[in-house]
Amino acid sequence: MTPRSFLLTPELAEHVRASSEPLDDVAADLVAETAALADRGEAPATFQIAVEQGVLMQLLTRALGVRRAVEIGTFTGFSALCIARGMPEDGSLVCLDRSEEWTAVARRYWERAGVAGRIELRLGEALEELRALPADPVLDLAFVDADKTGYPAYVEELYPRMRPDGLVLLDNTLRGGRVLDPRTDDDRAVVALNAALARDPRWETVLLPLADGLTVLRKR
């Protein structure tokens, strides 16, 4: 099973999932394969977003009519699968990641789901790849789930590329509760970013207690 919010008991987490749109076979198999990789120690369990978060992202993508999106940090592809499924057939999602091994899993499931044609995977350093994208305000949605110390730079590079009212979603912004007692550079980077975004007039900002914290930014 993928990670649940640390704020929920196992029973409440199960109720949340049972009360949400169920995963189809493709998504469920991807979640199960990723969990198996984690159980064997071949991949970090904490890299996988919660099932209910993926369902929300697919719903948001569809409701907002997202046509152009970027994802920073793809792992085995569940979040990208959800975003791509929420797009129209001519939608475009650019995924930035460093791991050929983990994204190979993603590619298999994107093909199986019939959304591979909407996804362009670019392997390399995410910040360099992001800076290589045209600095035009065309993106409707961005999802960031990568190195936490890199979040401030990602947000800065995304800003000119987001259209007005475009959304940026930042994952893991509660750090398992360690935002109240930061212990690592990643924790401290997220604490500083949370404070900075709440004061940044360029964004309308809300931090939701979903999974490990999901910050939603709307470009004003």
C-alpha atoms as a PDB file:
ATOM      1  CA  MET A   1       0.000   0.000   0.000  1.00  0.00           C
ATOM      2  CA  THR A   2       1.247   3.501  -0.771  1.00  0.00           C
ATOM      3  CA  PRO A   3       1.996   5.924   2.059  1.00  0.00           C
ATOM      4  CA  ARG A   4      -0.909   7.452   3.920  1.00  0.00           C
ATOM      5  CA  SER A   5      -1.000  10.784   5.683  1.00  0.00           C
ATOM      6  CA  PHE A   6       0.827  10.680   8.992  1.00  0.00           C
ATOM      7  CA  LEU A   7      -2.125  12.680  10.356  1.00  0.00           C
ATOM      8  CA  LEU A   8      -4.516   9.773   9.830  1.00  0.00           C
ATOM      9  CA  THR A   9      -4.881   6.470  11.593  1.00  0.00           C
ATOM     10  CA  PRO A  10      -4.762   3.425   9.293  1.00  0.00           C
ATOM     11  CA  GLU A  11      -8.510   3.055   9.739  1.00  0.00           C
ATOM     12  CA  LEU A  12      -9.248   6.644   8.736  1.00  0.00           C
ATOM     13  CA  ALA A  13      -6.874   6.366   5.787  1.00  0.00           C
ATOM     14  CA  GLU A  14      -8.749   3.309   4.580  1.00  0.00           C
ATOM     15  CA  HIS A  15     -12.052   5.158   4.955  1.00  0.00           C
ATOM     16  CA  VAL A  16     -10.684   8.079   2.921  1.00  0.00           C
ATOM     17  CA  ARG A  17      -9.713   5.753   0.095  1.00  0.00           C
ATOM     18  CA  ALA A  18     -12.927   3.777   0.245  1.00  0.00           C
ATOM     19  CA  SER A  19     -14.883   7.039  -0.015  1.00  0.00           C
ATOM     20  CA  SER A  20     -12.988   8.284  -3.071  1.00  0.00           C
ATOM     21  CA  GLU A  21     -12.929   7.338  -6.744  1.00  0.00           C
ATOM     22  CA  PRO A  22     -11.422   3.830  -6.918  1.00  0.00           C
ATOM     23  CA  LEU A  23      -8.301   3.105  -8.943  1.00  0.00           C
ATOM     24  CA  ASP A  24      -8.713   1.096 -12.104  1.00  0.00           C
ATOM     25  CA  ASP A  25      -6.575  -1.979 -12.787  1.00  0.00           C
ATOM     26  CA  VAL A  26      -3.734  -0.067 -14.453  1.00  0.00           C
ATOM     27  CA  ALA A  27      -3.281   2.434 -11.627  1.00  0.00           C
ATOM     28  CA  ALA A  28      -3.792  -0.235  -8.956  1.00  0.00           C
ATOM     29  CA  ASP A  29      -1.148  -2.469 -10.555  1.00  0.00           C
ATOM     30  CA  LEU A  30       1.305   0.442 -10.726  1.00  0.00           C
ATOM     31  CA  VAL A  31       0.733   1.228  -7.048  1.00  0.00           C
ATOM     32  CA  ALA A  32       1.214  -2.442  -6.172  1.00  0.00           C
ATOM     33  CA  GLU A  33       4.414  -2.800  -8.207  1.00  0.00           C
ATOM     34  CA  THR A  34       5.862   0.337  -6.635  1.00  0.00           C
ATOM     35  CA  ALA A  35       5.006  -0.952  -3.162  1.00  0.00           C
ATOM     36  CA  ALA A  36       6.706  -4.253  -4.002  1.00  0.00           C
ATOM     37  CA  LEU A  37       9.855  -2.380  -5.077  1.00  0.00           C
ATOM     38  CA  ALA A  38       9.833  -0.590  -1.733  1.00  0.00           C
ATOM     39  CA  ASP A  39       9.286  -3.836   0.185  1.00  0.00           C
ATOM     40  CA  ARG A  40      12.368  -5.325  -1.508  1.00  0.00           C
ATOM     41  CA  GLY A  41      14.407  -2.219  -0.728  1.00  0.00           C
ATOM     42  CA  GLU A  42      14.781  -1.363  -4.412  1.00  0.00           C
ATOM     43  CA  ALA A  43      12.995   2.001  -4.141  1.00  0.00           C
ATOM     44  CA  PRO A  44      12.066   4.396  -1.317  1.00  0.00           C
ATOM     45  CA  ALA A  45       8.473   3.944  -0.150  1.00  0.00           C
ATOM     46  CA  THR A  46       8.243   7.646   0.671  1.00  0.00           C
ATOM     47  CA  PHE A  47       8.684   8.626  -2.978  1.00  0.00           C
ATOM     48  CA  GLN A  48       5.185   7.362  -3.850  1.00  0.00           C
ATOM     49  CA  ILE A  49       2.336   9.843  -3.465  1.00  0.00           C
ATOM     50  CA  ALA A  50      -0.786   8.718  -1.639  1.00  0.00           C
ATOM     51  CA  VAL A  51      -3.564   7.191  -3.720  1.00  0.00           C
ATOM     52  CA  GLU A  52      -6.077   9.857  -2.703  1.00  0.00           C
ATOM     53  CA  GLN A  53      -3.615  12.567  -3.734  1.00  0.00           C
ATOM     54  CA  GLY A  54      -3.371  11.069  -7.195  1.00  0.00           C
ATOM     55  CA  VAL A  55      -7.156  10.929  -7.457  1.00  0.00           C
ATOM     56  CA  LEU A  56      -7.347  14.610  -6.474  1.00  0.00           C
ATOM     57  CA  MET A  57      -4.693  15.591  -9.010  1.00  0.00           C
ATOM     58  CA  GLN A  58      -6.545  13.825 -11.798  1.00  0.00           C
ATOM     59  CA  LEU A  59      -9.792  15.520 -10.762  1.00  0.00           C
ATOM     60  CA  LEU A  60      -8.128  18.967 -10.642  1.00  0.00           C
ATOM     61  CA  THR A  61      -6.469  18.449 -14.016  1.00  0.00           C
ATOM     62  CA  ARG A  62      -9.766  17.574 -15.636  1.00  0.00           C
ATOM     63  CA  ALA A  63     -11.819  20.247 -13.847  1.00  0.00           C
ATOM     64  CA  LEU A  64      -9.344  23.010 -14.726  1.00  0.00           C
ATOM     65  CA  GLY A  65      -9.089  21.969 -18.358  1.00  0.00           C
ATOM     66  CA  VAL A  66      -5.322  21.555 -18.109  1.00  0.00           C
ATOM     67  CA  ARG A  67      -3.645  21.217 -21.514  1.00  0.00           C
ATOM     68  CA  ARG A  68       0.010  22.012 -20.735  1.00  0.00           C
ATOM     69  CA  ALA A  69       1.726  20.707 -17.612  1.00  0.00           C
ATOM     70  CA  VAL A  70       5.134  19.875 -16.196  1.00  0.00           C
ATOM     71  CA  GLU A  71       6.148  17.459 -13.463  1.00  0.00           C
ATOM     72  CA  ILE A  72       9.419  17.628 -11.552  1.00  0.00           C
ATOM     73  CA  GLY A  73      10.136  14.250 -10.011  1.00  0.00           C
ATOM     74  CA  THR A  74       8.341  11.347 -11.679  1.00  0.00           C
ATOM     75  CA  PHE A  75       9.545   8.197  -9.845  1.00  0.00           C
ATOM     76  CA  THR A  76       7.481   5.241 -11.127  1.00  0.00           C
ATOM     77  CA  GLY A  77       4.900   7.438 -12.776  1.00  0.00           C
ATOM     78  CA  PHE A  78       1.694   7.318 -10.716  1.00  0.00           C
ATOM     79  CA  SER A  79       1.330  11.095 -10.396  1.00  0.00           C
ATOM     80  CA  ALA A  80       2.093  11.582 -14.103  1.00  0.00           C
ATOM     81  CA  LEU A  81      -0.453   8.902 -14.968  1.00  0.00           C
ATOM     82  CA  CYS A  82      -3.108  10.775 -12.982  1.00  0.00           C
ATOM     83  CA  ILE A  83      -2.280  14.134 -14.575  1.00  0.00           C
ATOM     84  CA  ALA A  84      -2.154  12.712 -18.099  1.00  0.00           C
ATOM     85  CA  ARG A  85      -5.479  10.942 -17.643  1.00  0.00           C
ATOM     86  CA  GLY A  86      -7.078  14.234 -16.654  1.00  0.00           C
ATOM     87  CA  MET A  87      -5.922  15.899 -19.871  1.00  0.00           C
ATOM     88  CA  PRO A  88      -7.576  15.911 -23.279  1.00  0.00           C
ATOM     89  CA  GLU A  89      -6.017  13.710 -25.950  1.00  0.00           C
ATOM     90  CA  ASP A  90      -3.943  16.606 -27.288  1.00  0.00           C
ATOM     91  CA  GLY A  91      -2.662  17.550 -23.819  1.00  0.00           C
ATOM     92  CA  SER A  92       1.066  17.718 -23.122  1.00  0.00           C
ATOM     93  CA  LEU A  93       2.877  16.747 -19.917  1.00  0.00           C
ATOM     94  CA  VAL A  94       6.655  17.129 -19.642  1.00  0.00           C
ATOM     95  CA  CYS A  95       8.172  14.929 -16.908  1.00  0.00           C
ATOM     96  CA  LEU A  96      11.629  15.694 -15.512  1.00  0.00           C
ATOM     97  CA  ASP A  97      13.517  13.001 -13.622  1.00  0.00           C
ATOM     98  CA  ARG A  98      17.027  11.561 -13.225  1.00  0.00           C
ATOM     99  CA  SER A  99      16.282   7.853 -12.891  1.00  0.00           C
ATOM    100  CA  GLU A 100      16.107   5.730 -16.019  1.00  0.00           C
ATOM    101  CA  GLU A 101      15.402   2.659 -13.865  1.00  0.00           C
ATOM    102  CA  TRP A 102      12.321   3.969 -12.042  1.00  0.00           C
ATOM    103  CA  THR A 103      10.897   5.843 -15.014  1.00  0.00           C
ATOM    104  CA  ALA A 104      11.138   2.637 -17.070  1.00  0.00           C
ATOM    105  CA  VAL A 105       8.377   1.332 -14.804  1.00  0.00           C
ATOM    106  CA  ALA A 106       6.432   4.525 -15.479  1.00  0.00           C
ATOM    107  CA  ARG A 107       6.731   4.146 -19.245  1.00  0.00           C
ATOM    108  CA  ARG A 108       5.217   0.657 -19.162  1.00  0.00           C
ATOM    109  CA  TYR A 109       2.126   1.848 -17.325  1.00  0.00           C
ATOM    110  CA  TRP A 110       1.721   4.993 -19.420  1.00  0.00           C
ATOM    111  CA  GLU A 111       1.676   2.773 -22.507  1.00  0.00           C
ATOM    112  CA  ARG A 112      -0.768   0.370 -20.915  1.00  0.00           C
ATOM    113  CA  ALA A 113      -3.087   3.253 -19.967  1.00  0.00           C
ATOM    114  CA  GLY A 114      -2.941   4.736 -23.458  1.00  0.00           C
ATOM    115  CA  VAL A 115      -1.535   8.096 -22.333  1.00  0.00           C
ATOM    116  CA  ALA A 116       2.117   7.741 -23.389  1.00  0.00           C
ATOM    117  CA  GLY A 117       1.479  10.041 -26.341  1.00  0.00           C
ATOM    118  CA  ARG A 118       0.667  12.893 -23.960  1.00  0.00           C
ATOM    119  CA  ILE A 119       3.853  12.516 -21.909  1.00  0.00           C
ATOM    120  CA  GLU A 120       7.397  13.598 -22.760  1.00  0.00           C
ATOM    121  CA  LEU A 121      10.010  12.257 -20.327  1.00  0.00           C
ATOM    122  CA  ARG A 122      13.273  14.176 -20.078  1.00  0.00           C
ATOM    123  CA  LEU A 123      16.064  12.556 -18.067  1.00  0.00           C
ATOM    124  CA  GLY A 124      18.695  14.773 -16.466  1.00  0.00           C
ATOM    125  CA  GLU A 125      19.066  17.447 -13.819  1.00  0.00           C
ATOM    126  CA  ALA A 126      15.588  18.859 -13.276  1.00  0.00           C
ATOM    127  CA  LEU A 127      16.614  22.487 -12.807  1.00  0.00           C
ATOM    128  CA  GLU A 128      18.664  22.504 -15.994  1.00  0.00           C
ATOM    129  CA  GLU A 129      15.852  20.850 -17.941  1.00  0.00           C
ATOM    130  CA  LEU A 130      13.310  23.283 -16.487  1.00  0.00           C
ATOM    131  CA  ARG A 131      15.446  26.269 -17.458  1.00  0.00           C
ATOM    132  CA  ALA A 132      15.685  24.850 -20.965  1.00  0.00           C
ATOM    133  CA  LEU A 133      11.912  25.119 -21.401  1.00  0.00           C
ATOM    134  CA  PRO A 134      10.658  28.286 -23.124  1.00  0.00           C
ATOM    135  CA  ALA A 135      10.028  31.063 -20.599  1.00  0.00           C
ATOM    136  CA  ASP A 136       6.536  31.655 -21.949  1.00  0.00           C
ATOM    137  CA  PRO A 137       3.449  31.701 -19.687  1.00  0.00           C
ATOM    138  CA  VAL A 138       1.772  28.631 -21.148  1.00  0.00           C
ATOM    139  CA  LEU A 139       1.703  26.065 -18.338  1.00  0.00           C
ATOM    140  CA  ASP A 140      -1.644  25.344 -16.705  1.00  0.00           C
ATOM    141  CA  LEU A 141      -0.306  23.012 -14.009  1.00  0.00           C
ATOM    142  CA  ALA A 142       2.991  22.034 -12.416  1.00  0.00           C
ATOM    143  CA  PHE A 143       3.651  19.302  -9.859  1.00  0.00           C
ATOM    144  CA  VAL A 144       6.890  19.300  -7.864  1.00  0.00           C
ATOM    145  CA  ASP A 145       7.958  16.200  -5.940  1.00  0.00           C
ATOM    146  CA  ALA A 146      11.741  16.230  -5.996  1.00  0.00           C
ATOM    147  CA  ASP A 147      14.725  17.344  -3.886  1.00  0.00           C
ATOM    148  CA  LYS A 148      13.342  19.661  -1.223  1.00  0.00           C
ATOM    149  CA  THR A 149      16.328  22.011  -1.139  1.00  0.00           C
ATOM    150  CA  GLY A 150      15.647  22.625  -4.821  1.00  0.00           C
ATOM    151  CA  TYR A 151      12.039  23.723  -4.321  1.00  0.00           C
ATOM    152  CA  PRO A 152      12.752  27.490  -4.122  1.00  0.00           C
ATOM    153  CA  ALA A 153      14.604  27.425  -7.441  1.00  0.00           C
ATOM    154  CA  TYR A 154      11.892  25.319  -9.076  1.00  0.00           C
ATOM    155  CA  VAL A 155       9.195  27.742  -7.944  1.00  0.00           C
ATOM    156  CA  GLU A 156      11.172  30.700  -9.296  1.00  0.00           C
ATOM    157  CA  GLU A 157      11.706  29.045 -12.665  1.00  0.00           C
ATOM    158  CA  LEU A 158       8.072  27.959 -12.880  1.00  0.00           C
ATOM    159  CA  TYR A 159       6.646  31.400 -12.159  1.00  0.00           C
ATOM    160  CA  PRO A 160       7.273  33.004 -15.590  1.00  0.00           C
ATOM    161  CA  ARG A 161       6.194  29.783 -17.301  1.00  0.00           C
ATOM    162  CA  MET A 162       2.783  29.559 -15.601  1.00  0.00           C
ATOM    163  CA  ARG A 163      -0.192  31.255 -17.178  1.00  0.00           C
ATOM    164  CA  PRO A 164      -2.263  33.572 -14.960  1.00  0.00           C
ATOM    165  CA  ASP A 165      -4.404  31.395 -12.657  1.00  0.00           C
ATOM    166  CA  GLY A 166      -2.110  28.429 -13.333  1.00  0.00           C
ATOM    167  CA  LEU A 167      -1.513  26.081 -10.394  1.00  0.00           C
ATOM    168  CA  VAL A 168       1.723  24.787  -8.894  1.00  0.00           C
ATOM    169  CA  LEU A 169       1.442  21.815  -6.528  1.00  0.00           C
ATOM    170  CA  LEU A 170       4.310  21.216  -4.098  1.00  0.00           C
ATOM    171  CA  ASP A 171       4.495  17.828  -2.389  1.00  0.00           C
ATOM    172  CA  ASN A 172       5.826  16.916   1.081  1.00  0.00           C
ATOM    173  CA  THR A 173       5.453  20.381   2.569  1.00  0.00           C
ATOM    174  CA  LEU A 174       4.712  19.044   6.064  1.00  0.00           C
ATOM    175  CA  ARG A 175       7.741  16.724   6.139  1.00  0.00           C
ATOM    176  CA  GLY A 176       6.019  14.162   8.342  1.00  0.00           C
ATOM    177  CA  GLY A 177       5.374  16.871  10.917  1.00  0.00           C
ATOM    178  CA  ARG A 178       9.033  17.907  11.107  1.00  0.00           C
ATOM    179  CA  VAL A 179       8.168  21.430   9.956  1.00  0.00           C
ATOM    180  CA  LEU A 180       7.628  21.995  13.686  1.00  0.00           C
ATOM    181  CA  ASP A 181      11.017  20.488  14.568  1.00  0.00           C
ATOM    182  CA  PRO A 182      13.249  20.595  11.476  1.00  0.00           C
ATOM    183  CA  ARG A 183      16.156  18.165  11.620  1.00  0.00           C
ATOM    184  CA  THR A 184      17.621  18.074   8.130  1.00  0.00           C
ATOM    185  CA  ASP A 185      18.498  20.483   5.347  1.00  0.00           C
ATOM    186  CA  ASP A 186      15.393  19.307   3.491  1.00  0.00           C
ATOM    187  CA  ASP A 187      13.210  20.053   6.523  1.00  0.00           C
ATOM    188  CA  ARG A 188      14.718  23.502   6.982  1.00  0.00           C
ATOM    189  CA  ALA A 189      14.377  24.317   3.277  1.00  0.00           C
ATOM    190  CA  VAL A 190      10.672  23.466   3.346  1.00  0.00           C
ATOM    191  CA  VAL A 191      10.061  25.487   6.525  1.00  0.00           C
ATOM    192  CA  ALA A 192      11.705  28.534   4.962  1.00  0.00           C
ATOM    193  CA  LEU A 193       9.823  28.077   1.703  1.00  0.00           C
ATOM    194  CA  ASN A 194       6.461  27.685   3.433  1.00  0.00           C
ATOM    195  CA  ALA A 195       7.011  30.964   5.253  1.00  0.00           C
ATOM    196  CA  ALA A 196       8.217  32.761   2.128  1.00  0.00           C
ATOM    197  CA  LEU A 197       5.319  31.604  -0.051  1.00  0.00           C
ATOM    198  CA  ALA A 198       2.724  32.704   2.488  1.00  0.00           C
ATOM    199  CA  ARG A 199       4.106  36.264   2.108  1.00  0.00           C
ATOM    200  CA  ASP A 200       4.786  36.205  -1.639  1.00  0.00           C
ATOM    201  CA  PRO A 201       2.302  38.523  -3.411  1.00  0.00           C
ATOM    202  CA  ARG A 202       2.813  36.720  -6.728  1.00  0.00           C
ATOM    203  CA  TRP A 203       0.998  33.620  -5.489  1.00  0.00           C
ATOM    204  CA  GLU A 204      -2.249  32.795  -3.765  1.00  0.00           C
ATOM    205  CA  THR A 205      -1.142  30.057  -1.382  1.00  0.00           C
ATOM    206  CA  VAL A 206      -2.688  27.310   0.715  1.00  0.00           C
ATOM    207  CA  LEU A 207      -0.970  24.385   2.438  1.00  0.00           C
ATOM    208  CA  LEU A 208      -3.357  21.440   2.636  1.00  0.00           C
ATOM    209  CA  PRO A 209      -2.900  18.674   5.242  1.00  0.00           C
ATOM    210  CA  LEU A 210      -3.234  16.023   2.538  1.00  0.00           C
ATOM    211  CA  ALA A 211      -0.843  13.069   2.625  1.00  0.00           C
ATOM    212  CA  ASP A 212       2.525  14.627   3.644  1.00  0.00           C
ATOM    213  CA  GLY A 213       1.352  18.159   2.930  1.00  0.00           C
ATOM    214  CA  LEU A 214       0.374  19.553  -0.459  1.00  0.00           C
ATOM    215  CA  THR A 215       0.902  23.256  -1.091  1.00  0.00           C
ATOM    216  CA  VAL A 216      -1.248  24.758  -3.836  1.00  0.00           C
ATOM    217  CA  LEU A 217      -0.072  27.962  -5.496  1.00  0.00           C
ATOM    218  CA  ARG A 218      -2.185  29.999  -7.895  1.00  0.00           C
ATOM    219  CA  LYS A 219      -0.341  32.532 -10.032  1.00  0.00           C
ATOM    220  CA  ARG A 220      -2.067  35.862  -9.542  1.00  0.00           C
END
